């Protein structure tokens, strides 16, 4: 008799009323953002031309452990939260493992991902400030879709710069965003100075999140009543995504479980940062010692092969500089990469936690092995996972097989960030046997590292 149900649901009353700010418990803060013009640390007010003022405050706040979630955001969360924690019984059986595998499923909304958790917050604060429009970038399309939904709800205009490779691979993502009223532009484009400069230097590029960020920021600062919002990387985004980890911990407490291993896919850091937040708090405060694994694509190996250094957050070099693991702002990911996670850098907070040893391991995986795990998971658990999520599935499967070999009944938790129903071109490529793995050479990476800015005291 199974004592734990397949799905563990919280009640509506158990949706978090506060976000958790992981910086309040960190032993050392990440280095400050730098002004790209002066090289000096930014103050909160320096961010006002780009971000909403409340979001700028959240970005710089390292003191408040918990921050209240406004009632309007709580009400929107109730449309699709709490999300279920699911015991992967069928996957366990297929792997013949003694490990207990759980996943937090964030795909039960139209965006098909966790991105809506922050999109709603950012759109709310823009509306509260009296703004009329937002700009952003999107890679695989989940963030653009989520923000389109949030902007439609709060009555804001939205322009989305979508990485050109994804724009071409996922035409229906564009259609969904347009349904919610967004304007979609493939990036790099000829609509901005940054886009034109990138196209001149890299005429054949399929784009990157760094390119799209440049264009979105430029448009925001040149448009009256408009601000830029970002779907990952920033501390404000990790704050909003902490609802994932807070709900996960509460659900696991209900069934008297606690993860030995926490696994999340890692592109810019929003999903992993959100999932591990409440459990990382336990590690930072000495209450528990879970093992954290960040999983990234071998085609864009930011943590595993990048440098911990100050770098621009965008390709056009107009954003503040952040100390993070990076491949260099001019790194161009392979166009055959399927899905998101193609950002050149990593969240400064996650980078600091990794550099200091609290984020235990970073693992890069080839996309064919990722889709092998995705297919296995879909057949056993009846959910078609997003390619991004499948990176975490790959590591979870590998860890479960290690448990089988060692005879260890560990508890594994991973984030199923979303669904893959808009990724059928990639799935078809995999099933047709034409998908291949693109792994940058050391020479390829050196081209990106050559673009790192000269910052006094820069650590190699």
Protein backbone atom coordinates (compact mmCIF):
# COMPACT_ATOMS: atom_id res chain seq x y z
CA UNK A 1 0.00 0.00 0.00
CA UNK A 2 1.36 3.39 -1.00
CA UNK A 3 1.42 5.75 1.95
CA UNK A 4 2.26 8.81 -0.13
CA UNK A 5 -0.27 9.87 -2.79
CA UNK A 6 0.83 10.52 -6.34
CA UNK A 7 0.08 14.21 -5.98
CA UNK A 8 0.45 16.28 -2.84
CA UNK A 9 -1.64 19.42 -2.99
CA UNK A 10 -1.56 22.33 -0.60
CA UNK A 11 -4.72 24.22 0.20
CA UNK A 12 -5.36 27.69 -1.15
CA UNK A 13 -4.63 29.05 2.31
CA UNK A 14 -1.13 27.51 2.17
CA UNK A 15 0.00 29.55 -0.83
CA UNK A 16 2.88 31.67 0.52
CA UNK A 17 1.92 35.15 1.69
CA UNK A 18 5.56 36.27 1.66
CA UNK A 19 8.52 35.75 -0.64
CA UNK A 20 11.79 34.54 0.85
CA UNK A 21 14.91 36.63 0.21
CA UNK A 22 17.84 34.20 0.19
CA UNK A 23 20.37 37.05 0.39
CA UNK A 24 19.36 37.75 3.99
CA UNK A 25 20.85 34.40 5.05
CA UNK A 26 23.91 34.28 2.80
CA UNK A 27 27.25 34.29 4.62
CA UNK A 28 28.65 36.72 2.04
CA UNK A 29 26.83 38.80 -0.56
CA UNK A 30 27.65 38.72 -4.23
CA UNK A 31 29.69 41.65 -5.51
CA UNK A 32 27.69 44.79 -6.40
CA UNK A 33 26.42 45.62 -9.85
CA UNK A 34 28.68 48.14 -11.58
CA UNK A 35 27.79 51.18 -13.67
CA UNK A 36 28.95 50.36 -17.22
CA UNK A 37 30.11 53.95 -17.72
CA UNK A 38 31.96 54.67 -14.49
CA UNK A 39 32.76 51.18 -13.23
CA UNK A 40 31.46 52.20 -9.79
CA UNK A 41 28.89 50.25 -7.73
CA UNK A 42 25.29 51.08 -8.57
CA UNK A 43 22.88 52.62 -6.14
CA UNK A 44 19.20 51.79 -6.12
CA UNK A 45 18.26 55.04 -7.83
CA UNK A 46 20.61 54.24 -10.71
CA UNK A 47 18.27 51.40 -11.67
CA UNK A 48 15.13 53.56 -11.87
CA UNK A 49 15.51 54.45 -15.58
CA UNK A 50 15.47 50.73 -16.44
CA UNK A 51 13.36 48.98 -13.77
CA UNK A 52 10.24 49.80 -11.78
CA UNK A 53 11.22 51.47 -8.52
CA UNK A 54 9.84 48.74 -6.25
CA UNK A 55 11.64 46.09 -8.29
CA UNK A 56 14.85 48.09 -8.07
CA UNK A 57 14.42 48.16 -4.29
CA UNK A 58 13.89 44.40 -4.20
CA UNK A 59 16.98 43.94 -6.35
CA UNK A 60 19.20 45.78 -3.86
CA UNK A 61 17.57 44.51 -0.66
CA UNK A 62 19.80 42.09 1.24
CA UNK A 63 18.38 42.80 4.70
CA UNK A 64 14.73 41.69 4.71
CA UNK A 65 14.41 37.91 5.00
CA UNK A 66 10.74 37.93 3.99
CA UNK A 67 8.78 40.38 1.85
CA UNK A 68 4.99 40.57 1.76
CA UNK A 69 3.26 39.50 -1.44
CA UNK A 70 0.64 42.16 -2.32
CA UNK A 71 -2.96 40.95 -2.18
CA UNK A 72 -3.51 41.59 -5.90
CA UNK A 73 -0.62 39.22 -6.72
CA UNK A 74 -1.88 36.67 -4.20
CA UNK A 75 -5.27 36.71 -5.92
CA UNK A 76 -3.69 36.07 -9.31
CA UNK A 77 -1.56 33.27 -7.87
CA UNK A 78 -4.77 31.52 -6.81
CA UNK A 79 -5.67 31.03 -10.49
CA UNK A 80 -2.91 28.43 -10.88
CA UNK A 81 -1.29 27.94 -7.47
CA UNK A 82 -0.53 26.02 -5.39
CA UNK A 83 1.19 23.75 -7.87
CA UNK A 84 1.39 20.04 -7.08
CA UNK A 85 4.33 18.10 -5.70
CA UNK A 86 4.24 14.73 -7.46
CA UNK A 87 5.77 11.40 -6.48
CA UNK A 88 7.19 9.81 -9.65
CA UNK A 89 6.17 6.24 -8.76
CA UNK A 90 6.12 5.03 -12.36
CA UNK A 91 9.54 6.49 -13.13
CA UNK A 92 10.93 4.87 -9.98
CA UNK A 93 9.51 1.53 -11.10
CA UNK A 94 10.94 1.87 -14.63
CA UNK A 95 14.37 2.62 -13.19
CA UNK A 96 14.06 -0.13 -10.56
CA UNK A 97 15.54 2.27 -8.04
CA UNK A 98 15.13 2.45 -4.27
CA UNK A 99 15.27 6.26 -4.55
CA UNK A 100 12.12 8.26 -3.91
CA UNK A 101 11.69 10.78 -6.71
CA UNK A 102 9.52 13.88 -6.38
CA UNK A 103 8.99 16.73 -8.80
CA UNK A 104 7.39 20.13 -8.40
CA UNK A 105 5.22 20.69 -11.48
CA UNK A 106 4.99 24.34 -12.54
CA UNK A 107 3.40 23.84 -15.98
CA UNK A 108 -0.27 24.12 -15.07
CA UNK A 109 -0.91 27.50 -16.69
CA UNK A 110 -1.08 28.79 -20.26
CA UNK A 111 2.59 29.82 -20.31
CA UNK A 112 3.38 26.20 -19.45
CA UNK A 113 6.07 27.21 -16.98
CA UNK A 114 7.12 28.70 -13.66
CA UNK A 115 7.75 32.08 -15.29
CA UNK A 116 4.31 33.41 -14.42
CA UNK A 117 5.31 33.64 -10.74
CA UNK A 118 7.56 36.62 -11.48
CA UNK A 119 5.72 37.99 -14.52
CA UNK A 120 2.64 38.75 -12.45
CA UNK A 121 4.72 40.52 -9.80
CA UNK A 122 6.66 42.62 -12.27
CA UNK A 123 3.58 43.66 -14.24
CA UNK A 124 1.78 44.54 -11.01
CA UNK A 125 4.55 46.85 -9.84
CA UNK A 126 4.69 48.52 -13.27
CA UNK A 127 0.96 49.20 -13.13
CA UNK A 128 1.24 50.43 -9.55
CA UNK A 129 3.90 52.94 -10.65
CA UNK A 130 1.65 54.28 -13.41
CA UNK A 131 3.64 52.89 -16.31
CA UNK A 132 1.89 51.99 -19.57
CA UNK A 133 4.31 49.62 -21.30
CA UNK A 134 7.03 47.03 -20.74
CA UNK A 135 9.74 45.43 -22.85
CA UNK A 136 11.49 42.12 -22.37
CA UNK A 137 13.38 39.30 -24.03
CA UNK A 138 12.46 35.65 -24.30
CA UNK A 139 14.42 32.57 -25.28
CA UNK A 140 12.29 29.46 -25.56
CA UNK A 141 9.15 31.57 -25.19
CA UNK A 142 7.86 30.68 -21.74
CA UNK A 143 8.82 34.01 -20.21
CA UNK A 144 7.42 36.01 -23.11
CA UNK A 145 4.17 34.09 -22.87
CA UNK A 146 3.94 34.53 -19.10
CA UNK A 147 4.60 38.26 -19.29
CA UNK A 148 2.08 38.60 -22.13
CA UNK A 149 -0.52 37.06 -19.84
CA UNK A 150 0.38 39.34 -16.94
CA UNK A 151 0.45 42.49 -19.06
CA UNK A 152 -2.96 41.65 -20.56
CA UNK A 153 -4.35 41.23 -17.04
CA UNK A 154 -2.99 44.57 -15.82
CA UNK A 155 -3.60 46.49 -19.07
CA UNK A 156 0.01 47.11 -20.15
CA UNK A 157 1.49 47.19 -23.64
CA UNK A 158 4.32 44.70 -24.19
CA UNK A 159 7.11 44.32 -26.74
CA UNK A 160 8.96 40.99 -26.68
CA UNK A 161 12.32 40.48 -28.36
CA UNK A 162 12.44 36.74 -29.02
CA UNK A 163 15.70 34.93 -29.75
CA UNK A 164 15.62 34.44 -33.51
CA UNK A 165 16.33 30.70 -33.40
CA UNK A 166 13.35 30.13 -31.11
CA UNK A 167 11.22 32.58 -33.11
CA UNK A 168 11.75 30.40 -36.18
CA UNK A 169 11.45 27.06 -34.34
CA UNK A 170 8.32 27.95 -32.37
CA UNK A 171 5.83 29.95 -34.45
CA UNK A 172 2.95 28.95 -32.20
CA UNK A 173 4.63 30.53 -29.18
CA UNK A 174 4.43 33.77 -31.13
CA UNK A 175 0.72 33.18 -31.75
CA UNK A 176 0.01 32.64 -28.05
CA UNK A 177 1.82 35.85 -27.10
CA UNK A 178 -0.08 37.74 -29.79
CA UNK A 179 -3.34 36.36 -28.41
CA UNK A 180 -2.54 38.19 -25.19
CA UNK A 181 -1.72 41.37 -27.12
CA UNK A 182 2.09 41.36 -27.22
CA UNK A 183 4.24 42.61 -30.08
CA UNK A 184 6.91 40.01 -30.98
CA UNK A 185 10.18 40.90 -32.73
CA UNK A 186 12.85 38.30 -33.67
CA UNK A 187 16.22 39.25 -32.17
CA UNK A 188 18.68 40.51 -33.24
CA UNK A 189 16.61 42.87 -35.37
CA UNK A 190 17.10 46.05 -37.34
CA UNK A 191 14.67 47.93 -35.09
CA UNK A 192 17.30 49.01 -32.55
CA UNK A 193 20.84 50.34 -32.61
CA UNK A 194 22.02 47.37 -30.55
CA UNK A 195 20.36 44.90 -32.90
CA UNK A 196 21.86 46.49 -35.99
CA UNK A 197 25.33 46.49 -34.45
CA UNK A 198 25.04 42.81 -33.51
CA UNK A 199 23.83 41.89 -37.00
CA UNK A 200 26.75 43.77 -38.53
CA UNK A 201 29.25 41.88 -36.36
CA UNK A 202 27.46 38.49 -36.44
CA UNK A 203 25.33 38.50 -39.62
CA UNK A 204 24.51 34.78 -39.44
CA UNK A 205 23.68 34.66 -35.73
CA UNK A 206 20.57 32.89 -34.52
CA UNK A 207 20.50 35.28 -31.60
CA UNK A 208 20.90 34.82 -27.86
CA UNK A 209 19.28 36.10 -24.70
CA UNK A 210 22.13 38.59 -24.41
CA UNK A 211 21.23 40.04 -27.81
CA UNK A 212 17.53 40.22 -26.99
CA UNK A 213 18.21 41.89 -23.63
CA UNK A 214 20.20 44.63 -25.37
CA UNK A 215 17.32 45.43 -27.69
CA UNK A 216 14.69 45.31 -24.96
CA UNK A 217 16.64 47.61 -22.64
CA UNK A 218 17.35 50.10 -25.42
CA UNK A 219 13.68 50.28 -26.37
CA UNK A 220 12.59 50.67 -22.75
CA UNK A 221 14.88 53.62 -21.97
CA UNK A 222 13.86 55.38 -25.19
CA UNK A 223 10.10 54.95 -24.68
CA UNK A 224 8.00 57.21 -22.47
CA UNK A 225 6.17 55.41 -19.65
CA UNK A 226 8.04 52.18 -20.32
CA UNK A 227 10.40 49.98 -18.33
CA UNK A 228 12.33 46.78 -18.94
CA UNK A 229 11.67 43.53 -17.06
CA UNK A 230 13.76 40.36 -16.97
CA UNK A 231 12.57 36.78 -16.55
CA UNK A 232 15.64 35.34 -14.85
CA UNK A 233 19.13 36.14 -13.50
CA UNK A 234 18.18 39.08 -11.26
CA UNK A 235 17.73 38.87 -7.50
CA UNK A 236 14.18 40.26 -7.75
CA UNK A 237 13.23 37.30 -9.98
CA UNK A 238 14.74 34.74 -7.58
CA UNK A 239 12.74 36.45 -4.83
CA UNK A 240 9.42 35.99 -6.68
CA UNK A 241 10.26 32.41 -7.66
CA UNK A 242 10.85 31.46 -4.02
CA UNK A 243 7.16 30.48 -3.91
CA UNK A 244 8.25 27.24 -5.63
CA UNK A 245 10.64 26.21 -2.88
CA UNK A 246 8.38 27.41 -0.07
CA UNK A 247 5.45 25.35 -1.38
CA UNK A 248 7.72 22.35 -2.00
CA UNK A 249 9.02 22.37 1.55
CA UNK A 250 5.53 22.66 3.04
CA UNK A 251 4.27 19.79 0.87
CA UNK A 252 7.21 17.56 1.81
CA UNK A 253 6.65 18.30 5.49
CA UNK A 254 3.04 17.11 5.07
CA UNK A 255 4.30 13.66 4.06
CA UNK A 256 7.26 13.64 6.46
CA UNK A 257 9.86 13.86 3.69
CA UNK A 258 12.95 15.99 3.08
CA UNK A 259 15.17 15.94 -0.02
CA UNK A 260 18.67 14.54 0.10
CA UNK A 261 19.22 15.93 -3.42
CA UNK A 262 17.64 19.02 -5.04
CA UNK A 263 18.02 19.34 -8.82
CA UNK A 264 17.11 22.17 -11.16
CA UNK A 265 17.87 23.18 -14.73
CA UNK A 266 20.02 26.28 -14.94
CA UNK A 267 20.01 28.93 -17.66
CA UNK A 268 19.83 32.28 -15.92
CA UNK A 269 18.87 30.80 -12.56
CA UNK A 270 15.19 31.59 -11.92
CA UNK A 271 13.88 28.04 -11.65
CA UNK A 272 16.79 26.61 -9.71
CA UNK A 273 16.94 29.65 -7.43
CA UNK A 274 13.23 29.39 -6.69
CA UNK A 275 13.12 25.63 -6.13
CA UNK A 276 16.11 25.48 -3.83
CA UNK A 277 15.34 28.67 -1.87
CA UNK A 278 13.70 27.23 1.26
CA UNK A 279 16.08 24.27 1.35
CA UNK A 280 19.12 26.48 0.82
CA UNK A 281 17.94 28.52 3.80
CA UNK A 282 18.23 25.33 5.88
CA UNK A 283 21.75 24.79 4.58
CA UNK A 284 22.84 28.36 5.20
CA UNK A 285 21.45 28.33 8.74
CA UNK A 286 22.80 24.86 9.59
CA UNK A 287 19.43 23.10 9.91
CA UNK A 288 20.03 20.56 7.12
CA UNK A 289 22.50 19.76 4.39
CA UNK A 290 20.77 18.84 1.11
CA UNK A 291 22.93 18.36 -1.99
CA UNK A 292 22.18 20.85 -4.78
CA UNK A 293 22.78 20.14 -8.47
CA UNK A 294 22.51 22.73 -11.25
CA UNK A 295 22.06 21.19 -14.70
CA UNK A 296 22.93 23.16 -17.82
CA UNK A 297 23.27 22.39 -21.54
CA UNK A 298 26.68 21.28 -22.78
CA UNK A 299 26.20 23.72 -25.66
CA UNK A 300 26.10 26.68 -23.25
CA UNK A 301 28.19 25.55 -20.23
CA UNK A 302 28.16 28.69 -18.12
CA UNK A 303 28.83 27.21 -14.68
CA UNK A 304 30.89 24.20 -15.72
CA UNK A 305 33.25 25.94 -18.15
CA UNK A 306 32.67 29.66 -17.63
CA UNK A 307 34.69 32.17 -15.67
CA UNK A 308 33.68 33.87 -12.44
CA UNK A 309 34.11 37.45 -13.50
CA UNK A 310 32.43 40.79 -14.01
CA UNK A 311 30.63 40.88 -17.33
CA UNK A 312 27.85 42.72 -19.11
CA UNK A 313 24.44 41.12 -18.79
CA UNK A 314 23.76 41.74 -22.46
CA UNK A 315 25.59 41.45 -25.77
CA UNK A 316 25.19 45.13 -26.64
CA UNK A 317 27.07 46.21 -23.49
CA UNK A 318 24.45 48.66 -22.25
CA UNK A 319 23.39 46.92 -19.03
CA UNK A 320 25.15 47.03 -15.64
CA UNK A 321 28.08 44.68 -15.07
CA UNK A 322 27.49 41.71 -12.76
CA UNK A 323 29.98 39.40 -11.07
CA UNK A 324 28.84 35.98 -12.24
CA UNK A 325 29.86 32.83 -14.01
CA UNK A 326 29.94 33.79 -17.67
CA UNK A 327 31.02 32.67 -21.11
CA UNK A 328 31.48 36.29 -22.18
CA UNK A 329 28.71 38.59 -23.36
CA UNK A 330 29.61 37.97 -27.02
CA UNK A 331 29.37 34.18 -26.74
CA UNK A 332 27.03 32.89 -29.44
CA UNK A 333 25.32 29.59 -28.54
CA UNK A 334 24.86 26.94 -31.20
CA UNK A 335 21.75 27.48 -33.35
CA UNK A 336 20.93 23.76 -33.14
CA UNK A 337 20.40 24.05 -29.39
CA UNK A 338 16.79 23.05 -28.67
CA UNK A 339 15.00 25.08 -26.01
CA UNK A 340 16.09 27.85 -23.68
CA UNK A 341 18.99 27.94 -21.19
CA UNK A 342 21.11 29.69 -23.82
CA UNK A 343 22.19 32.68 -21.70
CA UNK A 344 25.90 33.51 -21.48
CA UNK A 345 25.81 34.30 -17.75
CA UNK A 346 24.27 33.06 -14.51
CA UNK A 347 22.44 34.68 -11.62
CA UNK A 348 24.95 36.61 -9.45
CA UNK A 349 23.40 35.07 -6.34
CA UNK A 350 23.61 31.51 -7.65
CA UNK A 351 27.10 32.21 -8.96
CA UNK A 352 28.19 33.35 -5.50
CA UNK A 353 26.60 30.32 -3.83
CA UNK A 354 28.34 28.03 -6.32
CA UNK A 355 31.67 29.82 -5.96
CA UNK A 356 31.44 29.53 -2.15
CA UNK A 357 30.45 25.86 -2.22
CA UNK A 358 26.82 26.03 -1.08
CA UNK A 359 25.49 25.11 -4.51
CA UNK A 360 27.29 21.78 -4.55
CA UNK A 361 27.56 20.76 -8.18
CA UNK A 362 27.08 22.01 -11.73
CA UNK A 363 26.58 19.44 -14.45
CA UNK A 364 26.51 19.96 -18.24
CA UNK A 365 24.56 17.48 -20.37
CA UNK A 366 24.26 16.90 -24.14
CA UNK A 367 20.86 17.53 -25.66
CA UNK A 368 20.44 13.99 -27.08
CA UNK A 369 20.78 12.60 -23.53
CA UNK A 370 18.38 15.29 -22.33
CA UNK A 371 15.72 14.19 -24.83
CA UNK A 372 16.29 10.53 -23.99
CA UNK A 373 15.36 11.38 -20.41
CA UNK A 374 12.43 13.51 -21.58
CA UNK A 375 11.00 10.63 -23.61
CA UNK A 376 11.42 8.19 -20.71
CA UNK A 377 9.73 10.59 -18.32
CA UNK A 378 6.82 11.27 -20.69
CA UNK A 379 6.12 7.58 -21.17
CA UNK A 380 6.13 6.91 -17.43
CA UNK A 381 4.61 10.07 -15.96
CA UNK A 382 2.30 11.16 -18.84
CA UNK A 383 3.60 14.73 -18.98
CA UNK A 384 5.58 15.97 -21.98
CA UNK A 385 8.36 18.00 -20.36
CA UNK A 386 9.91 21.18 -21.71
CA UNK A 387 13.48 20.68 -22.96
CA UNK A 388 14.69 22.95 -20.17
CA UNK A 389 12.99 20.81 -17.52
CA UNK A 390 14.37 17.67 -19.15
CA UNK A 391 17.88 18.73 -18.14
CA UNK A 392 16.81 18.30 -14.51
CA UNK A 393 15.09 15.02 -15.38
CA UNK A 394 18.33 13.74 -16.89
CA UNK A 395 20.23 14.39 -13.68
CA UNK A 396 17.42 12.99 -11.53
CA UNK A 397 17.46 9.76 -13.54
CA UNK A 398 21.23 9.52 -13.25
CA UNK A 399 21.10 10.08 -9.49
CA UNK A 400 18.34 7.49 -9.10
CA UNK A 401 20.45 4.95 -11.01
CA UNK A 402 23.36 5.71 -8.69
CA UNK A 403 21.07 4.93 -5.77
CA UNK A 404 20.21 1.62 -7.42
CA UNK A 405 23.88 0.71 -7.79
CA UNK A 406 24.65 1.69 -4.20
CA UNK A 407 21.44 0.34 -2.68
CA UNK A 408 20.60 3.75 -1.21
CA UNK A 409 17.04 4.98 -0.78
CA UNK A 410 17.69 8.70 -1.15
CA UNK A 411 14.96 11.29 -1.62
CA UNK A 412 15.35 13.26 -4.85
CA UNK A 413 13.47 16.49 -5.65
CA UNK A 414 13.64 18.17 -9.04
CA UNK A 415 11.83 21.01 -10.74
CA UNK A 416 9.56 20.25 -13.66
CA UNK A 417 9.55 23.84 -14.82
CA UNK A 418 7.04 23.39 -17.60
CA UNK A 419 5.57 21.51 -20.53
CA UNK A 420 7.04 20.88 -23.97
CA UNK A 421 4.01 21.15 -26.22
CA UNK A 422 5.54 24.01 -28.18
CA UNK A 423 8.80 22.11 -28.63
CA UNK A 424 7.61 19.53 -31.12
CA UNK A 425 10.21 20.53 -33.74
CA UNK A 426 12.91 19.55 -31.26
CA UNK A 427 11.13 16.34 -30.29
CA UNK A 428 10.71 15.46 -33.97
CA UNK A 429 14.41 16.08 -34.55
CA UNK A 430 15.23 13.71 -31.70
CA UNK A 431 12.86 10.95 -32.80
CA UNK A 432 13.95 11.24 -36.44
CA UNK A 433 17.56 10.75 -35.39
CA UNK A 434 18.79 14.05 -36.81
CA UNK A 435 19.40 15.83 -33.50
CA UNK A 436 23.09 16.23 -32.75
CA UNK A 437 25.12 17.50 -29.86
CA UNK A 438 27.01 20.75 -30.20
CA UNK A 439 29.69 21.30 -27.58
CA UNK A 440 31.87 24.41 -27.88
CA UNK A 441 35.60 23.87 -28.08
CA UNK A 442 38.03 25.66 -25.81
CA UNK A 443 38.82 27.89 -28.78
CA UNK A 444 35.12 28.74 -29.14
CA UNK A 445 34.94 29.69 -25.48
CA UNK A 446 38.07 31.82 -25.71
CA UNK A 447 36.30 34.00 -28.27
CA UNK A 448 33.65 34.73 -25.68
CA UNK A 449 36.14 35.24 -22.86
CA UNK A 450 37.97 37.77 -25.05
CA UNK A 451 34.89 40.00 -24.76
CA UNK A 452 35.10 40.21 -20.95
CA UNK A 453 35.44 43.83 -19.85
CA UNK A 454 38.59 45.06 -18.14
CA UNK A 455 37.63 45.55 -14.51
CA UNK A 456 40.21 46.29 -11.79
CA UNK A 457 40.72 43.19 -9.66
CA UNK A 458 38.95 40.97 -12.18
CA UNK A 459 39.24 37.34 -11.10
CA UNK A 460 40.09 34.87 -13.83
